[in-house]
Protein backbone atom coordinates (compact mmCIF):
# COMPACT_ATOMS: atom_id res chain seq x y z
CA MET A 1 88.68 -72.27 -97.61
CA GLU A 2 87.31 -75.18 -95.74
CA ARG A 3 84.56 -72.73 -94.61
CA LEU A 4 83.65 -72.05 -98.58
CA ARG A 5 84.59 -75.70 -99.38
CA ARG A 6 81.21 -76.51 -97.15
CA ARG A 7 79.21 -73.68 -97.73
CA THR A 8 79.42 -74.08 -101.28
CA ALA A 9 78.72 -77.58 -101.15
CA GLU A 10 75.37 -77.39 -99.33
CA LEU A 11 73.98 -74.81 -101.89
CA ALA A 12 75.48 -76.78 -104.94
CA ARG A 13 71.96 -77.72 -106.01
CA GLU A 14 70.61 -74.42 -105.79
CA PRO A 15 70.04 -72.57 -108.91
CA LEU A 16 72.58 -69.97 -109.34
CA ASP A 17 71.40 -66.84 -108.68
CA VAL A 18 70.51 -68.32 -105.12
CA PHE A 19 74.18 -70.01 -105.40
CA CYS A 20 75.54 -66.83 -105.85
CA ASP A 21 73.38 -64.34 -103.83
CA GLU A 22 73.83 -66.46 -100.54
CA LEU A 23 77.87 -66.41 -100.68
CA LEU A 24 77.92 -63.33 -100.94
CA ILE A 25 75.19 -62.96 -98.24
CA GLY A 26 77.72 -65.20 -96.24
CA PHE A 27 81.22 -63.93 -96.87
CA GLY A 28 81.20 -60.66 -97.85
CA ALA A 29 79.02 -58.70 -95.37
CA ASP A 30 81.46 -58.44 -92.73
CA ASN A 31 84.41 -57.61 -95.81
CA ASP A 32 85.69 -54.04 -97.20
CA ASP A 33 87.05 -55.68 -100.01
CA ASP A 34 84.95 -56.47 -103.78
CA ILE A 35 83.97 -59.91 -104.07
CA ALA A 36 83.58 -61.36 -107.70
CA ILE A 37 82.14 -64.59 -108.00
CA LEU A 38 82.23 -66.10 -110.96
CA ALA A 39 79.44 -69.53 -110.92
CA VAL A 40 79.18 -72.13 -113.75
CA ARG A 41 77.09 -74.91 -114.01
CA PRO A 42 78.28 -77.32 -116.82
CA THR A 43 75.32 -79.23 -119.10
CA PRO A 44 75.25 -81.82 -120.50
CA PRO A 45 75.62 -81.90 -123.83
CA PRO A 46 72.04 -82.65 -126.41
CA GLU A 47 71.59 -85.84 -127.69
């Protein structure tokens, strides 16, 4: 979990597609299990 926390912090400002792709590449490359990622970036309410 600490490794995941560090990596997500590093990628926090990337577009969501890049964020998800990089996590899958970094954590899924050597994994036989299925991986699902749900990423949500809140936006400010309209003025």
